[in-house]
PDB file of all heavy atoms in Angstrom:
ATOM      1  N   ARG A   1      -1.085  -0.230  16.343  1.00  0.00           N
ATOM      2  CA  ARG A   1      -1.916  -0.251  15.144  1.00  0.00           C
ATOM      3  C   ARG A   1      -1.104   0.160  13.917  1.00  0.00           C
ATOM      4  O   ARG A   1      -1.293  -0.386  12.824  1.00  0.00           O
ATOM      5  CB  ARG A   1      -3.121   0.673  15.319  1.00  0.00           C
ATOM      6  CG  ARG A   1      -4.078   0.651  14.135  1.00  0.00           C
ATOM      7  CD  ARG A   1      -5.289   1.557  14.355  1.00  0.00           C
ATOM      8  NE  ARG A   1      -6.237   1.428  13.275  1.00  0.00           N
ATOM      9  CZ  ARG A   1      -6.137   2.063  12.097  1.00  0.00           C
ATOM     10  NH1 ARG A   1      -5.116   2.874  11.876  1.00  0.00           N
ATOM     11  NH2 ARG A   1      -7.048   1.886  11.156  1.00  0.00           N
ATOM     12  N   PHE A   2      -0.207   1.122  14.106  1.00  0.00           N
ATOM     13  CA  PHE A   2       0.598   1.599  12.989  1.00  0.00           C
ATOM     14  C   PHE A   2       1.435   0.473  12.386  1.00  0.00           C
ATOM     15  O   PHE A   2       1.706   0.466  11.184  1.00  0.00           O
ATOM     16  CB  PHE A   2       1.513   2.734  13.455  1.00  0.00           C
ATOM     17  CG  PHE A   2       2.170   3.503  12.341  1.00  0.00           C
ATOM     18  CD1 PHE A   2       1.510   4.548  11.719  1.00  0.00           C
ATOM     19  CD2 PHE A   2       3.447   3.180  11.915  1.00  0.00           C
ATOM     20  CE1 PHE A   2       2.112   5.264  10.688  1.00  0.00           C
ATOM     21  CE2 PHE A   2       4.064   3.877  10.890  1.00  0.00           C
ATOM     22  CZ  PHE A   2       3.384   4.924  10.273  1.00  0.00           C
ATOM     23  N   ALA A   3       1.834  -0.485  13.203  1.00  0.00           N
ATOM     24  CA  ALA A   3       2.666  -1.587  12.720  1.00  0.00           C
ATOM     25  C   ALA A   3       1.914  -2.536  11.793  1.00  0.00           C
ATOM     26  O   ALA A   3       2.534  -3.320  11.066  1.00  0.00           O
ATOM     27  CB  ALA A   3       3.228  -2.370  13.906  1.00  0.00           C
ATOM     28  N   THR A   4       0.588  -2.466  11.798  1.00  0.00           N
ATOM     29  CA  THR A   4      -0.213  -3.347  10.948  1.00  0.00           C
ATOM     30  C   THR A   4      -1.046  -2.585   9.918  1.00  0.00           C
ATOM     31  O   THR A   4      -1.434  -3.152   8.903  1.00  0.00           O
ATOM     32  CB  THR A   4      -1.158  -4.216  11.794  1.00  0.00           C
ATOM     33  OG1 THR A   4      -2.050  -3.381  12.519  1.00  0.00           O
ATOM     34  CG2 THR A   4      -0.363  -5.070  12.771  1.00  0.00           C
ATOM     35  N   ALA A   5      -1.344  -1.320  10.192  1.00  0.00           N
ATOM     36  CA  ALA A   5      -2.148  -0.507   9.268  1.00  0.00           C
ATOM     37  C   ALA A   5      -1.564   0.903   9.201  1.00  0.00           C
ATOM     38  O   ALA A   5      -2.190   1.869   9.627  1.00  0.00           O
ATOM     39  CB  ALA A   5      -3.611  -0.463   9.732  1.00  0.00           C
ATOM     40  N   PRO A   6      -0.351   1.018   8.674  1.00  0.00           N
ATOM     41  CA  PRO A   6       0.326   2.320   8.685  1.00  0.00           C
ATOM     42  C   PRO A   6      -0.176   3.272   7.610  1.00  0.00           C
ATOM     43  O   PRO A   6      -0.815   2.862   6.636  1.00  0.00           O
ATOM     44  CB  PRO A   6       1.779   1.938   8.417  1.00  0.00           C
ATOM     45  CG  PRO A   6       1.677   0.737   7.541  1.00  0.00           C
ATOM     46  CD  PRO A   6       0.483  -0.024   8.057  1.00  0.00           C
ATOM     47  N   VAL A   7       0.133   4.532   7.812  1.00  0.00           N
ATOM     48  CA  VAL A   7      -0.091   5.577   6.818  1.00  0.00           C
ATOM     49  C   VAL A   7       1.268   5.984   6.273  1.00  0.00           C
ATOM     50  O   VAL A   7       2.139   6.420   7.027  1.00  0.00           O
ATOM     51  CB  VAL A   7      -0.796   6.796   7.436  1.00  0.00           C
ATOM     52  CG1 VAL A   7      -0.900   7.931   6.413  1.00  0.00           C
ATOM     53  CG2 VAL A   7      -2.172   6.416   7.950  1.00  0.00           C
ATOM     54  N   GLY A   8       1.470   5.813   4.987  1.00  0.00           N
ATOM     55  CA  GLY A   8       2.732   6.175   4.372  1.00  0.00           C
ATOM     56  C   GLY A   8       2.563   7.276   3.357  1.00  0.00           C
ATOM     57  O   GLY A   8       1.507   7.930   3.282  1.00  0.00           O
ATOM     58  N   SER A   9       3.610   7.478   2.555  1.00  0.00           N
ATOM     59  CA  SER A   9       3.534   8.462   1.471  1.00  0.00           C
ATOM     60  C   SER A   9       3.905   7.827   0.144  1.00  0.00           C
ATOM     61  O   SER A   9       4.095   8.527  -0.845  1.00  0.00           O
ATOM     62  CB  SER A   9       4.483   9.629   1.758  1.00  0.00           C
ATOM     63  OG  SER A   9       5.829   9.165   1.810  1.00  0.00           O
ATOM     64  N   GLY A  10       4.013   6.484   0.122  1.00  0.00           N
ATOM     65  CA  GLY A  10       4.429   5.789  -1.079  1.00  0.00           C
ATOM     66  C   GLY A  10       3.283   5.472  -2.018  1.00  0.00           C
ATOM     67  O   GLY A  10       2.129   5.852  -1.782  1.00  0.00           O
ATOM     68  N   PRO A  11       3.565   4.742  -3.071  1.00  0.00           N
ATOM     69  CA  PRO A  11       2.573   4.519  -4.143  1.00  0.00           C
ATOM     70  C   PRO A  11       1.494   3.493  -3.809  1.00  0.00           C
ATOM     71  O   PRO A  11       0.531   3.371  -4.556  1.00  0.00           O
ATOM     72  CB  PRO A  11       3.430   4.039  -5.314  1.00  0.00           C
ATOM     73  CG  PRO A  11       4.629   3.434  -4.675  1.00  0.00           C
ATOM     74  CD  PRO A  11       4.897   4.241  -3.444  1.00  0.00           C
ATOM     75  N   PHE A  12       1.647   2.756  -2.699  1.00  0.00           N
ATOM     76  CA  PHE A  12       0.636   1.764  -2.321  1.00  0.00           C
ATOM     77  C   PHE A  12       0.160   1.999  -0.893  1.00  0.00           C
ATOM     78  O   PHE A  12       0.945   2.380  -0.025  1.00  0.00           O
ATOM     79  CB  PHE A  12       1.197   0.339  -2.425  1.00  0.00           C
ATOM     80  CG  PHE A  12       1.388  -0.146  -3.831  1.00  0.00           C
ATOM     81  CD1 PHE A  12       2.602   0.044  -4.482  1.00  0.00           C
ATOM     82  CD2 PHE A  12       0.364  -0.782  -4.511  1.00  0.00           C
ATOM     83  CE1 PHE A  12       2.796  -0.396  -5.777  1.00  0.00           C
ATOM     84  CE2 PHE A  12       0.548  -1.231  -5.812  1.00  0.00           C
ATOM     85  CZ  PHE A  12       1.763  -1.038  -6.450  1.00  0.00           C
ATOM     86  N   GLU A  13      -1.138   1.752  -0.669  1.00  0.00           N
ATOM     87  CA  GLU A  13      -1.718   1.775   0.666  1.00  0.00           C
ATOM     88  C   GLU A  13      -1.947   0.348   1.143  1.00  0.00           C
ATOM     89  O   GLU A  13      -2.142  -0.561   0.334  1.00  0.00           O
ATOM     90  CB  GLU A  13      -3.059   2.509   0.653  1.00  0.00           C
ATOM     91  CG  GLU A  13      -2.988   3.958   0.234  1.00  0.00           C
ATOM     92  CD  GLU A  13      -4.363   4.601   0.201  1.00  0.00           C
ATOM     93  OE1 GLU A  13      -5.057   4.436  -0.825  1.00  0.00           O
ATOM     94  OE2 GLU A  13      -4.736   5.253   1.190  1.00  0.00           O
ATOM     95  N   VAL A  14      -1.943   0.170   2.466  1.00  0.00           N
ATOM     96  CA  VAL A  14      -2.185  -1.153   3.018  1.00  0.00           C
ATOM     97  C   VAL A  14      -3.684  -1.452   2.994  1.00  0.00           C
ATOM     98  O   VAL A  14      -4.479  -0.684   3.523  1.00  0.00           O
ATOM     99  CB  VAL A  14      -1.662  -1.257   4.459  1.00  0.00           C
ATOM    100  CG1 VAL A  14      -1.989  -2.631   5.056  1.00  0.00           C
ATOM    101  CG2 VAL A  14      -0.158  -1.004   4.498  1.00  0.00           C
ATOM    102  N   ARG A  15      -4.024  -2.550   2.367  1.00  0.00           N
ATOM    103  CA  ARG A  15      -5.427  -2.969   2.307  1.00  0.00           C
ATOM    104  C   ARG A  15      -5.715  -4.028   3.370  1.00  0.00           C
ATOM    105  O   ARG A  15      -6.693  -3.938   4.114  1.00  0.00           O
ATOM    106  CB  ARG A  15      -5.753  -3.505   0.910  1.00  0.00           C
ATOM    107  CG  ARG A  15      -7.203  -3.902   0.692  1.00  0.00           C
ATOM    108  CD  ARG A  15      -7.410  -4.345  -0.756  1.00  0.00           C
ATOM    109  NE  ARG A  15      -8.778  -4.778  -0.986  1.00  0.00           N
ATOM    110  CZ  ARG A  15      -9.790  -3.968  -1.229  1.00  0.00           C
ATOM    111  NH1 ARG A  15      -9.593  -2.660  -1.267  1.00  0.00           N
ATOM    112  NH2 ARG A  15     -10.999  -4.447  -1.437  1.00  0.00           N
ATOM    113  N   LYS A  16      -4.839  -5.036   3.442  1.00  0.00           N
ATOM    114  CA  LYS A  16      -4.962  -6.089   4.450  1.00  0.00           C
ATOM    115  C   LYS A  16      -3.555  -6.522   4.853  1.00  0.00           C
ATOM    116  O   LYS A  16      -2.634  -6.515   4.030  1.00  0.00           O
ATOM    117  CB  LYS A  16      -5.724  -7.312   3.912  1.00  0.00           C
ATOM    118  CG  LYS A  16      -7.166  -7.063   3.537  1.00  0.00           C
ATOM    119  CD  LYS A  16      -7.790  -8.340   2.974  1.00  0.00           C
ATOM    120  CE  LYS A  16      -9.230  -8.108   2.523  1.00  0.00           C
ATOM    121  NZ  LYS A  16      -9.797  -9.343   1.901  1.00  0.00           N
ATOM    122  N   PHE A  17      -3.426  -6.922   6.105  1.00  0.00           N
ATOM    123  CA  PHE A  17      -2.133  -7.425   6.557  1.00  0.00           C
ATOM    124  C   PHE A  17      -2.347  -8.489   7.623  1.00  0.00           C
ATOM    125  O   PHE A  17      -3.057  -8.260   8.600  1.00  0.00           O
ATOM    126  CB  PHE A  17      -1.264  -6.294   7.124  1.00  0.00           C
ATOM    127  CG  PHE A  17       0.024  -6.770   7.745  1.00  0.00           C
ATOM    128  CD1 PHE A  17       0.982  -7.397   6.979  1.00  0.00           C
ATOM    129  CD2 PHE A  17       0.259  -6.593   9.101  1.00  0.00           C
ATOM    130  CE1 PHE A  17       2.171  -7.843   7.545  1.00  0.00           C
ATOM    131  CE2 PHE A  17       1.444  -7.022   9.677  1.00  0.00           C
ATOM    132  CZ  PHE A  17       2.408  -7.651   8.901  1.00  0.00           C
ATOM    133  N   THR A  18      -1.735  -9.643   7.407  1.00  0.00           N
ATOM    134  CA  THR A  18      -1.724 -10.711   8.394  1.00  0.00           C
ATOM    135  C   THR A  18      -0.269 -11.047   8.669  1.00  0.00           C
ATOM    136  O   THR A  18       0.451 -11.497   7.763  1.00  0.00           O
ATOM    137  CB  THR A  18      -2.461 -11.969   7.899  1.00  0.00           C
ATOM    138  OG1 THR A  18      -3.795 -11.616   7.520  1.00  0.00           O
ATOM    139  CG2 THR A  18      -2.507 -13.026   8.992  1.00  0.00           C
ATOM    140  N   GLU A  19       0.140 -10.820   9.881  1.00  0.00           N
ATOM    141  CA  GLU A  19       1.532 -11.001  10.269  1.00  0.00           C
ATOM    142  C   GLU A  19       2.047 -12.382   9.872  1.00  0.00           C
ATOM    143  O   GLU A  19       1.431 -13.403  10.153  1.00  0.00           O
ATOM    144  CB  GLU A  19       1.627 -10.819  11.790  1.00  0.00           C
ATOM    145  CG  GLU A  19       2.997 -10.905  12.375  1.00  0.00           C
ATOM    146  CD  GLU A  19       2.938 -10.736  13.879  1.00  0.00           C
ATOM    147  OE1 GLU A  19       2.952  -9.578  14.348  1.00  0.00           O
ATOM    148  OE2 GLU A  19       2.837 -11.758  14.590  1.00  0.00           O
ATOM    149  N   GLU A  20       3.194 -12.377   9.194  1.00  0.00           N
ATOM    150  CA  GLU A  20       3.885 -13.597   8.748  1.00  0.00           C
ATOM    151  C   GLU A  20       3.122 -14.394   7.689  1.00  0.00           C
ATOM    152  O   GLU A  20       3.552 -15.485   7.324  1.00  0.00           O
ATOM    153  CB  GLU A  20       4.213 -14.522   9.927  1.00  0.00           C
ATOM    154  CG  GLU A  20       5.297 -13.995  10.841  1.00  0.00           C
ATOM    155  CD  GLU A  20       5.785 -15.059  11.800  1.00  0.00           C
ATOM    156  OE1 GLU A  20       5.113 -15.281  12.817  1.00  0.00           O
ATOM    157  OE2 GLU A  20       6.839 -15.656  11.536  1.00  0.00           O
ATOM    158  N   ARG A  21       2.025 -13.868   7.189  1.00  0.00           N
ATOM    159  CA  ARG A  21       1.255 -14.606   6.193  1.00  0.00           C
ATOM    160  C   ARG A  21       1.060 -13.831   4.896  1.00  0.00           C
ATOM    161  O   ARG A  21       1.391 -14.319   3.824  1.00  0.00           O
ATOM    162  CB  ARG A  21      -0.126 -14.997   6.752  1.00  0.00           C
ATOM    163  CG  ARG A  21      -0.112 -15.869   7.979  1.00  0.00           C
ATOM    164  CD  ARG A  21       0.709 -17.134   7.826  1.00  0.00           C
ATOM    165  NE  ARG A  21       0.326 -17.939   6.671  1.00  0.00           N
ATOM    166  CZ  ARG A  21       0.993 -19.015   6.266  1.00  0.00           C
ATOM    167  NH1 ARG A  21       2.078 -19.404   6.904  1.00  0.00           N
ATOM    168  NH2 ARG A  21       0.580 -19.701   5.214  1.00  0.00           N
ATOM    169  N   LYS A  22       0.472 -12.645   4.992  1.00  0.00           N
ATOM    170  CA  LYS A  22       0.071 -11.959   3.769  1.00  0.00           C
ATOM    171  C   LYS A  22      -0.005 -10.452   3.981  1.00  0.00           C
ATOM    172  O   LYS A  22      -0.420  -9.972   5.033  1.00  0.00           O
ATOM    173  CB  LYS A  22      -1.295 -12.468   3.302  1.00  0.00           C
ATOM    174  CG  LYS A  22      -1.811 -11.823   2.022  1.00  0.00           C
ATOM    175  CD  LYS A  22      -3.246 -12.234   1.713  1.00  0.00           C
ATOM    176  CE  LYS A  22      -3.356 -13.697   1.345  1.00  0.00           C
ATOM    177  NZ  LYS A  22      -4.725 -14.034   0.891  1.00  0.00           N
ATOM    178  N   ALA A  23       0.388  -9.720   2.940  1.00  0.00           N
ATOM    179  CA  ALA A  23       0.164  -8.277   2.881  1.00  0.00           C
ATOM    180  C   ALA A  23      -0.476  -7.965   1.534  1.00  0.00           C
ATOM    181  O   ALA A  23       0.043  -8.356   0.486  1.00  0.00           O
ATOM    182  CB  ALA A  23       1.471  -7.504   3.034  1.00  0.00           C
ATOM    183  N   GLN A  24      -1.602  -7.298   1.585  1.00  0.00           N
ATOM    184  CA  GLN A  24      -2.282  -6.901   0.354  1.00  0.00           C
ATOM    185  C   GLN A  24      -2.277  -5.376   0.291  1.00  0.00           C
ATOM    186  O   GLN A  24      -2.761  -4.698   1.197  1.00  0.00           O
ATOM    187  CB  GLN A  24      -3.717  -7.429   0.323  1.00  0.00           C
ATOM    188  CG  GLN A  24      -4.397  -7.217  -1.020  1.00  0.00           C
ATOM    189  CD  GLN A  24      -5.800  -7.796  -1.037  1.00  0.00           C
ATOM    190  OE1 GLN A  24      -6.753  -7.130  -0.694  1.00  0.00           O
ATOM    191  NE2 GLN A  24      -5.900  -9.079  -1.427  1.00  0.00           N
ATOM    192  N   LEU A  25      -1.705  -4.871  -0.780  1.00  0.00           N
ATOM    193  CA  LEU A  25      -1.561  -3.429  -0.967  1.00  0.00           C
ATOM    194  C   LEU A  25      -2.365  -2.983  -2.179  1.00  0.00           C
ATOM    195  O   LEU A  25      -2.417  -3.666  -3.201  1.00  0.00           O
ATOM    196  CB  LEU A  25      -0.087  -3.052  -1.181  1.00  0.00           C
ATOM    197  CG  LEU A  25       0.923  -3.611  -0.179  1.00  0.00           C
ATOM    198  CD1 LEU A  25       2.331  -3.134  -0.535  1.00  0.00           C
ATOM    199  CD2 LEU A  25       0.565  -3.210   1.248  1.00  0.00           C
ATOM    200  N   ALA A  26      -3.000  -1.825  -2.051  1.00  0.00           N
ATOM    201  CA  ALA A  26      -3.778  -1.248  -3.148  1.00  0.00           C
ATOM    202  C   ALA A  26      -3.095   0.030  -3.634  1.00  0.00           C
ATOM    203  O   ALA A  26      -2.565   0.812  -2.828  1.00  0.00           O
ATOM    204  CB  ALA A  26      -5.193  -0.930  -2.679  1.00  0.00           C
ATOM    205  N   ARG A  27      -3.110   0.234  -4.917  1.00  0.00           N
ATOM    206  CA  ARG A  27      -2.501   1.431  -5.486  1.00  0.00           C
ATOM    207  C   ARG A  27      -3.164   2.687  -4.917  1.00  0.00           C
ATOM    208  O   ARG A  27      -4.387   2.782  -4.822  1.00  0.00           O
ATOM    209  CB  ARG A  27      -2.668   1.422  -7.009  1.00  0.00           C
ATOM    210  CG  ARG A  27      -2.013   2.630  -7.716  1.00  0.00           C
ATOM    211  CD  ARG A  27      -2.212   2.536  -9.219  1.00  0.00           C
ATOM    212  NE  ARG A  27      -3.627   2.524  -9.574  1.00  0.00           N
ATOM    213  CZ  ARG A  27      -4.126   1.843 -10.597  1.00  0.00           C
ATOM    214  NH1 ARG A  27      -3.326   1.107 -11.360  1.00  0.00           N
ATOM    215  NH2 ARG A  27      -5.408   1.885 -10.862  1.00  0.00           N
ATOM    216  N   TRP A  28      -2.326   3.644  -4.515  1.00  0.00           N
ATOM    217  CA  TRP A  28      -2.820   4.942  -4.052  1.00  0.00           C
ATOM    218  C   TRP A  28      -2.936   5.843  -5.280  1.00  0.00           C
ATOM    219  O   TRP A  28      -1.944   6.317  -5.809  1.00  0.00           O
ATOM    220  CB  TRP A  28      -1.860   5.521  -3.012  1.00  0.00           C
ATOM    221  CG  TRP A  28      -2.277   6.858  -2.478  1.00  0.00           C
ATOM    222  CD1 TRP A  28      -3.543   7.325  -2.334  1.00  0.00           C
ATOM    223  CD2 TRP A  28      -1.421   7.907  -2.026  1.00  0.00           C
ATOM    224  NE1 TRP A  28      -3.538   8.592  -1.812  1.00  0.00           N
ATOM    225  CE2 TRP A  28      -2.245   8.977  -1.605  1.00  0.00           C
ATOM    226  CE3 TRP A  28      -0.042   8.047  -1.909  1.00  0.00           C
ATOM    227  CZ2 TRP A  28      -1.727  10.166  -1.097  1.00  0.00           C
ATOM    228  CZ3 TRP A  28       0.485   9.225  -1.392  1.00  0.00           C
ATOM    229  CH2 TRP A  28      -0.361  10.277  -0.994  1.00  0.00           C
ATOM    230  N   ASP A  29      -4.148   6.038  -5.731  1.00  0.00           N
ATOM    231  CA  ASP A  29      -4.344   6.768  -6.982  1.00  0.00           C
ATOM    232  C   ASP A  29      -3.988   8.239  -6.891  1.00  0.00           C
ATOM    233  O   ASP A  29      -3.834   8.899  -7.927  1.00  0.00           O
ATOM    234  CB  ASP A  29      -5.791   6.600  -7.465  1.00  0.00           C
ATOM    235  CG  ASP A  29      -6.042   5.232  -8.075  1.00  0.00           C
ATOM    236  OD1 ASP A  29      -5.073   4.630  -8.584  1.00  0.00           O
ATOM    237  OD2 ASP A  29      -7.184   4.751  -8.029  1.00  0.00           O
ATOM    238  N   ASP A  30      -3.860   8.777  -5.673  1.00  0.00           N
ATOM    239  CA  ASP A  30      -3.467  10.173  -5.512  1.00  0.00           C
ATOM    240  C   ASP A  30      -1.977  10.326  -5.231  1.00  0.00           C
ATOM    241  O   ASP A  30      -1.535  11.359  -4.720  1.00  0.00           O
ATOM    242  CB  ASP A  30      -4.272  10.812  -4.369  1.00  0.00           C
ATOM    243  CG  ASP A  30      -5.748  10.926  -4.698  1.00  0.00           C
ATOM    244  OD1 ASP A  30      -6.080  11.133  -5.884  1.00  0.00           O
ATOM    245  OD2 ASP A  30      -6.579  10.790  -3.774  1.00  0.00           O
ATOM    246  N   TYR A  31      -1.213   9.276  -5.533  1.00  0.00           N
ATOM    247  CA  TYR A  31       0.237   9.338  -5.303  1.00  0.00           C
ATOM    248  C   TYR A  31       0.830  10.551  -6.002  1.00  0.00           C
ATOM    249  O   TYR A  31       0.574  10.796  -7.178  1.00  0.00           O
ATOM    250  CB  TYR A  31       0.896   8.060  -5.806  1.00  0.00           C
ATOM    251  CG  TYR A  31       2.395   8.025  -5.613  1.00  0.00           C
ATOM    252  CD1 TYR A  31       2.962   8.201  -4.354  1.00  0.00           C
ATOM    253  CD2 TYR A  31       3.246   7.805  -6.703  1.00  0.00           C
ATOM    254  CE1 TYR A  31       4.340   8.154  -4.172  1.00  0.00           C
ATOM    255  CE2 TYR A  31       4.624   7.747  -6.535  1.00  0.00           C
ATOM    256  CZ  TYR A  31       5.167   7.924  -5.268  1.00  0.00           C
ATOM    257  OH  TYR A  31       6.538   7.888  -5.097  1.00  0.00           O
ATOM    258  N   TRP A  32       1.629  11.278  -5.248  1.00  0.00           N
ATOM    259  CA  TRP A  32       2.166  12.564  -5.707  1.00  0.00           C
ATOM    260  C   TRP A  32       3.478  12.429  -6.483  1.00  0.00           C
ATOM    261  O   TRP A  32       3.925  13.369  -7.141  1.00  0.00           O
ATOM    262  CB  TRP A  32       2.420  13.460  -4.491  1.00  0.00           C
ATOM    263  CG  TRP A  32       3.311  12.774  -3.491  1.00  0.00           C
ATOM    264  CD1 TRP A  32       2.935  11.947  -2.493  1.00  0.00           C
ATOM    265  CD2 TRP A  32       4.729  12.819  -3.471  1.00  0.00           C
ATOM    266  NE1 TRP A  32       4.046  11.459  -1.835  1.00  0.00           N
ATOM    267  CE2 TRP A  32       5.156  11.991  -2.414  1.00  0.00           C
ATOM    268  CE3 TRP A  32       5.692  13.494  -4.235  1.00  0.00           C
ATOM    269  CZ2 TRP A  32       6.502  11.804  -2.099  1.00  0.00           C
ATOM    270  CZ3 TRP A  32       7.034  13.313  -3.928  1.00  0.00           C
ATOM    271  CH2 TRP A  32       7.429  12.479  -2.870  1.00  0.00           C
ATOM    272  N   GLY A  33       4.116  11.234  -6.406  1.00  0.00           N
ATOM    273  CA  GLY A  33       5.448  11.067  -6.982  1.00  0.00           C
ATOM    274  C   GLY A  33       5.441  10.746  -8.457  1.00  0.00           C
ATOM    275  O   GLY A  33       4.399  10.649  -9.102  1.00  0.00           O
ATOM    276  N   GLU A  34       6.654  10.572  -8.987  1.00  0.00           N
ATOM    277  CA  GLU A  34       6.818  10.274 -10.404  1.00  0.00           C
ATOM    278  C   GLU A  34       6.607   8.775 -10.661  1.00  0.00           C
ATOM    279  O   GLU A  34       6.799   7.940  -9.781  1.00  0.00           O
ATOM    280  CB  GLU A  34       8.217  10.675 -10.871  1.00  0.00           C
ATOM    281  CG  GLU A  34       8.574  12.135 -10.606  1.00  0.00           C
ATOM    282  CD  GLU A  34       7.706  13.096 -11.402  1.00  0.00           C
ATOM    283  OE1 GLU A  34       7.265  12.701 -12.501  1.00  0.00           O
ATOM    284  OE2 GLU A  34       7.479  14.220 -10.934  1.00  0.00           O
ATOM    285  N   SER A  35       6.235   8.433 -11.901  1.00  0.00           N
ATOM    286  CA  SER A  35       6.074   7.046 -12.351  1.00  0.00           C
ATOM    287  C   SER A  35       5.249   6.209 -11.388  1.00  0.00           C
ATOM    288  O   SER A  35       5.740   5.274 -10.758  1.00  0.00           O
ATOM    289  CB  SER A  35       7.461   6.391 -12.552  1.00  0.00           C
ATOM    290  OG  SER A  35       8.222   7.101 -13.498  1.00  0.00           O
ATOM    291  N   PRO A  36       3.958   6.544 -11.211  1.00  0.00           N
ATOM    292  CA  PRO A  36       3.099   5.749 -10.326  1.00  0.00           C
ATOM    293  C   PRO A  36       2.934   4.332 -10.865  1.00  0.00           C
ATOM    294  O   PRO A  36       3.171   4.063 -12.041  1.00  0.00           O
ATOM    295  CB  PRO A  36       1.771   6.512 -10.360  1.00  0.00           C
ATOM    296  CG  PRO A  36       1.785   7.249 -11.660  1.00  0.00           C
ATOM    297  CD  PRO A  36       3.212   7.615 -11.903  1.00  0.00           C
ATOM    298  N   PRO A  37       2.522   3.402 -10.016  1.00  0.00           N
ATOM    299  CA  PRO A  37       2.399   2.005 -10.462  1.00  0.00           C
ATOM    300  C   PRO A  37       1.293   1.814 -11.478  1.00  0.00           C
ATOM    301  O   PRO A  37       0.274   2.507 -11.465  1.00  0.00           O
ATOM    302  CB  PRO A  37       2.091   1.251  -9.165  1.00  0.00           C
ATOM    303  CG  PRO A  37       1.528   2.276  -8.234  1.00  0.00           C
ATOM    304  CD  PRO A  37       2.193   3.565  -8.591  1.00  0.00           C
ATOM    305  N   ALA A  38       1.503   0.831 -12.349  1.00  0.00           N
ATOM    306  CA  ALA A  38       0.480   0.483 -13.335  1.00  0.00           C
ATOM    307  C   ALA A  38      -0.456  -0.588 -12.799  1.00  0.00           C
ATOM    308  O   ALA A  38      -1.550  -0.766 -13.324  1.00  0.00           O
ATOM    309  CB  ALA A  38       1.146  -0.003 -14.626  1.00  0.00           C
ATOM    310  N   ILE A  39      -0.034  -1.331 -11.777  1.00  0.00           N
ATOM    311  CA  ILE A  39      -0.896  -2.373 -11.225  1.00  0.00           C
ATOM    312  C   ILE A  39      -1.766  -1.786 -10.111  1.00  0.00           C
ATOM    313  O   ILE A  39      -1.368  -0.849  -9.413  1.00  0.00           O
ATOM    314  CB  ILE A  39      -0.085  -3.567 -10.699  1.00  0.00           C
ATOM    315  CG1 ILE A  39       0.802  -3.159  -9.515  1.00  0.00           C
ATOM    316  CG2 ILE A  39       0.746  -4.191 -11.800  1.00  0.00           C
ATOM    317  CD1 ILE A  39       1.457  -4.324  -8.831  1.00  0.00           C
ATOM    318  N   ALA A  40      -2.953  -2.340  -9.956  1.00  0.00           N
ATOM    319  CA  ALA A  40      -3.898  -1.830  -8.970  1.00  0.00           C
ATOM    320  C   ALA A  40      -3.715  -2.476  -7.604  1.00  0.00           C
ATOM    321  O   ALA A  40      -4.075  -1.886  -6.585  1.00  0.00           O
ATOM    322  CB  ALA A  40      -5.333  -2.056  -9.450  1.00  0.00           C
ATOM    323  N   GLN A  41      -3.163  -3.675  -7.584  1.00  0.00           N
ATOM    324  CA  GLN A  41      -3.052  -4.384  -6.314  1.00  0.00           C
ATOM    325  C   GLN A  41      -1.819  -5.281  -6.308  1.00  0.00           C
ATOM    326  O   GLN A  41      -1.523  -5.944  -7.300  1.00  0.00           O
ATOM    327  CB  GLN A  41      -4.298  -5.238  -6.075  1.00  0.00           C
ATOM    328  CG  GLN A  41      -4.282  -6.034  -4.774  1.00  0.00           C
ATOM    329  CD  GLN A  41      -5.581  -6.786  -4.579  1.00  0.00           C
ATOM    330  OE1 GLN A  41      -6.621  -6.200  -4.301  1.00  0.00           O
ATOM    331  NE2 GLN A  41      -5.541  -8.104  -4.738  1.00  0.00           N
ATOM    332  N   LEU A  42      -1.119  -5.267  -5.188  1.00  0.00           N
ATOM    333  CA  LEU A  42      -0.005  -6.175  -4.951  1.00  0.00           C
ATOM    334  C   LEU A  42      -0.333  -7.031  -3.737  1.00  0.00           C
ATOM    335  O   LEU A  42      -0.641  -6.496  -2.665  1.00  0.00           O
ATOM    336  CB  LEU A  42       1.291  -5.400  -4.701  1.00  0.00           C
ATOM    337  CG  LEU A  42       2.477  -6.225  -4.175  1.00  0.00           C
ATOM    338  CD1 LEU A  42       2.954  -7.221  -5.226  1.00  0.00           C
ATOM    339  CD2 LEU A  42       3.622  -5.315  -3.731  1.00  0.00           C
TER     340      LEU A  42
END
């Protein structure tokens, strides 16, 4: 499960993932690091 819906510490969380097709990431608004992303979704 971790390979498709992992928990990280970076600026984006995994919203949807389809192997070899698509990854949709949502901004983690509680990101602790410097210069968080300005976009809400990648």
